[in-house]
C-alpha cells in the first residue's frame, strides 16, 4: 500500500508535497538504523555506509514490489538475491582478530 501511495505521488503534486517531509523523516530513520546496525557488527562508526544502506533498502523494496506484481517468484530467486546483498554488507564488516 505504501508503494502505491508513493507511486501516486509521482503524478499528484498535492500528495507529493504532503509526503515530502514524511519521506525525508523515513529516510533519516532508515539511515540511522542502518548505521547503528552496521556499527553493532564492527563497522567503524565514521564509515560512510549511506550508499550501501540505500542499495539494501531499495533492493528489498523492489523485491517486495516485484512479488506484489508478479506473485510467487521462481524457487530460490529471493534466496540468491539475499545472498548477494549479504556479500555486499559483509565486505564492510571487519574480520575478528
C-alpha atoms as a PDB file:
ATOM      1  CA  UNK A   1       0.000   0.000   0.000  1.00  0.00           C
ATOM      2  CA  UNK A   2       2.863   2.369   0.830  1.00  0.00           C
ATOM      3  CA  UNK A   3       4.399   1.778  -2.580  1.00  0.00           C
ATOM      4  CA  UNK A   4       1.079   2.574  -4.226  1.00  0.00           C
ATOM      5  CA  UNK A   5       0.810   5.856  -2.340  1.00  0.00           C
ATOM      6  CA  UNK A   6       4.358   6.838  -3.314  1.00  0.00           C
ATOM      7  CA  UNK A   7       3.639   5.860  -6.931  1.00  0.00           C
ATOM      8  CA  UNK A   8       0.525   8.016  -6.955  1.00  0.00           C
ATOM      9  CA  UNK A   9       2.510  10.932  -5.513  1.00  0.00           C
ATOM     10  CA  UNK A  10       4.673  10.951  -8.651  1.00  0.00           C
ATOM     11  CA  UNK A  11       1.758  12.454 -10.580  1.00  0.00           C
ATOM     12  CA  UNK A  12      -0.105  14.229  -7.769  1.00  0.00           C
ATOM     13  CA  UNK A  13       1.653  17.405  -6.626  1.00  0.00           C
ATOM     14  CA  UNK A  14      -0.513  17.860  -3.519  1.00  0.00           C
ATOM     15  CA  UNK A  15       0.165  14.316  -2.336  1.00  0.00           C
ATOM     16  CA  UNK A  16       3.870  14.646  -3.172  1.00  0.00           C
ATOM     17  CA  UNK A  17       4.061  17.843  -1.130  1.00  0.00           C
ATOM     18  CA  UNK A  18       2.408  16.170   1.856  1.00  0.00           C
ATOM     19  CA  UNK A  19       4.637  13.086   1.604  1.00  0.00           C
ATOM     20  CA  UNK A  20       7.906  15.022   1.232  1.00  0.00           C
ATOM     21  CA  UNK A  21       8.540  15.589   4.958  1.00  0.00           C
ATOM     22  CA  UNK A  22       7.396  12.058   5.796  1.00  0.00           C
ATOM     23  CA  UNK A  23       9.751  10.563   3.201  1.00  0.00           C
ATOM     24  CA  UNK A  24      12.664  12.666   4.488  1.00  0.00           C
ATOM     25  CA  UNK A  25      11.994  11.557   8.074  1.00  0.00           C
ATOM     26  CA  UNK A  26      11.710   7.919   6.954  1.00  0.00           C
ATOM     27  CA  UNK A  27      14.984   8.154   5.018  1.00  0.00           C
ATOM     28  CA  UNK A  28      16.765   9.692   8.015  1.00  0.00           C
ATOM     29  CA  UNK A  29      15.408   6.965  10.303  1.00  0.00           C
ATOM     30  CA  UNK A  30      16.430   4.224   7.879  1.00  0.00           C
ATOM     31  CA  UNK A  31      19.939   5.684   7.621  1.00  0.00           C
ATOM     32  CA  UNK A  32      20.264   5.986  11.425  1.00  0.00           C
ATOM     33  CA  UNK A  33      19.035   2.416  11.982  1.00  0.00           C
ATOM     34  CA  UNK A  34      21.306   1.053   9.255  1.00  0.00           C
ATOM     35  CA  UNK A  35      24.323   2.894  10.642  1.00  0.00           C
ATOM     36  CA  UNK A  36      23.568   1.585  14.137  1.00  0.00           C
ATOM     37  CA  UNK A  37      23.180  -1.951  12.810  1.00  0.00           C
ATOM     38  CA  UNK A  38      26.471  -1.847  10.886  1.00  0.00           C
ATOM     39  CA  UNK A  39      28.249  -0.310  13.871  1.00  0.00           C
ATOM     40  CA  UNK A  40      26.984  -3.156  16.070  1.00  0.00           C
ATOM     41  CA  UNK A  41      28.710  -5.577  13.656  1.00  0.00           C
ATOM     42  CA  UNK A  42      32.023  -3.756  13.942  1.00  0.00           C
ATOM     43  CA  UNK A  43      31.867  -1.332  11.026  1.00  0.00           C
ATOM     44  CA  UNK A  44      33.627   1.848  12.174  1.00  0.00           C
ATOM     45  CA  UNK A  45      31.081   4.499  13.203  1.00  0.00           C
ATOM     46  CA  UNK A  46      32.668   7.014  10.838  1.00  0.00           C
ATOM     47  CA  UNK A  47      32.379   4.678   7.822  1.00  0.00           C
ATOM     48  CA  UNK A  48      30.267   6.110   5.030  1.00  0.00           C
ATOM     49  CA  UNK A  49      27.576   3.456   4.727  1.00  0.00           C
ATOM     50  CA  UNK A  50      24.808   5.695   3.381  1.00  0.00           C
ATOM     51  CA  UNK A  51      25.096   4.375  -0.152  1.00  0.00           C
ATOM     52  CA  UNK A  52      25.059   0.767   0.986  1.00  0.00           C
ATOM     53  CA  UNK A  53      22.060   1.365   3.217  1.00  0.00           C
ATOM     54  CA  UNK A  54      20.224   2.875   0.256  1.00  0.00           C
ATOM     55  CA  UNK A  55      21.157  -0.048  -2.016  1.00  0.00           C
ATOM     56  CA  UNK A  56      19.967  -2.621   0.522  1.00  0.00           C
ATOM     57  CA  UNK A  57      16.770  -0.712   1.289  1.00  0.00           C
ATOM     58  CA  UNK A  58      15.843  -0.148  -2.349  1.00  0.00           C
ATOM     59  CA  UNK A  59      16.700  -3.729  -3.261  1.00  0.00           C
ATOM     60  CA  UNK A  60      14.387  -5.055  -0.552  1.00  0.00           C
ATOM     61  CA  UNK A  61      11.697  -2.557  -1.505  1.00  0.00           C
ATOM     62  CA  UNK A  62      11.964  -3.560  -5.155  1.00  0.00           C
ATOM     63  CA  UNK A  63      11.764  -7.238  -4.273  1.00  0.00           C
ATOM     64  CA  UNK A  64       8.587  -6.576  -2.259  1.00  0.00           C
ATOM     65  CA  UNK A  65       7.106  -4.637  -5.143  1.00  0.00           C
ATOM     66  CA  UNK A  66       8.078  -7.351  -7.620  1.00  0.00           C
ATOM     67  CA  UNK A  67       6.397 -10.015  -5.542  1.00  0.00           C
ATOM     68  CA  UNK A  68       3.268  -7.881  -5.313  1.00  0.00           C
ATOM     69  CA  UNK A  69       3.060  -7.527  -9.079  1.00  0.00           C
ATOM     70  CA  UNK A  70       4.315 -10.899 -10.217  1.00  0.00           C
ATOM     71  CA  UNK A  71       3.248 -13.278  -7.457  1.00  0.00           C
ATOM     72  CA  UNK A  72       5.486 -16.112  -6.388  1.00  0.00           C
ATOM     73  CA  UNK A  73       8.958 -15.999  -7.963  1.00  0.00           C
ATOM     74  CA  UNK A  74      10.978 -18.944  -9.196  1.00  0.00           C
ATOM     75  CA  UNK A  75      12.077 -21.057  -6.203  1.00  0.00           C
ATOM     76  CA  UNK A  76      15.408 -19.830  -4.836  1.00  0.00           C
ATOM     77  CA  UNK A  77      15.119 -16.388  -6.502  1.00  0.00           C
ATOM     78  CA  UNK A  78      14.965 -14.373  -3.290  1.00  0.00           C
ATOM     79  CA  UNK A  79      17.480 -16.574  -1.530  1.00  0.00           C
ATOM     80  CA  UNK A  80      20.024 -15.799  -4.258  1.00  0.00           C
ATOM     81  CA  UNK A  81      19.255 -12.094  -4.046  1.00  0.00           C
ATOM     82  CA  UNK A  82      19.594 -12.109  -0.248  1.00  0.00           C
ATOM     83  CA  UNK A  83      22.962 -13.891  -0.507  1.00  0.00           C
ATOM     84  CA  UNK A  84      24.223 -11.190  -2.881  1.00  0.00           C
ATOM     85  CA  UNK A  85      23.046  -8.439  -0.539  1.00  0.00           C
ATOM     86  CA  UNK A  86      24.686 -10.261   2.362  1.00  0.00           C
ATOM     87  CA  UNK A  87      28.001 -10.357   0.476  1.00  0.00           C
ATOM     88  CA  UNK A  88      27.842  -6.608  -0.109  1.00  0.00           C
ATOM     89  CA  UNK A  89      27.225  -5.949   3.564  1.00  0.00           C
ATOM     90  CA  UNK A  90      29.728  -8.495   4.884  1.00  0.00           C
ATOM     91  CA  UNK A  91      32.531  -6.899   2.875  1.00  0.00           C
ATOM     92  CA  UNK A  92      32.242  -3.883   5.207  1.00  0.00           C
ATOM     93  CA  UNK A  93      32.445  -5.840   8.436  1.00  0.00           C
ATOM     94  CA  UNK A  94      35.996  -6.175   9.688  1.00  0.00           C
ATOM     95  CA  UNK A  95      37.412  -9.634  10.329  1.00  0.00           C
ATOM     96  CA  UNK A  96      37.751 -10.526  14.003  1.00  0.00           C
ATOM     97  CA  UNK A  97      41.321 -10.659  15.190  1.00  0.00           C
END
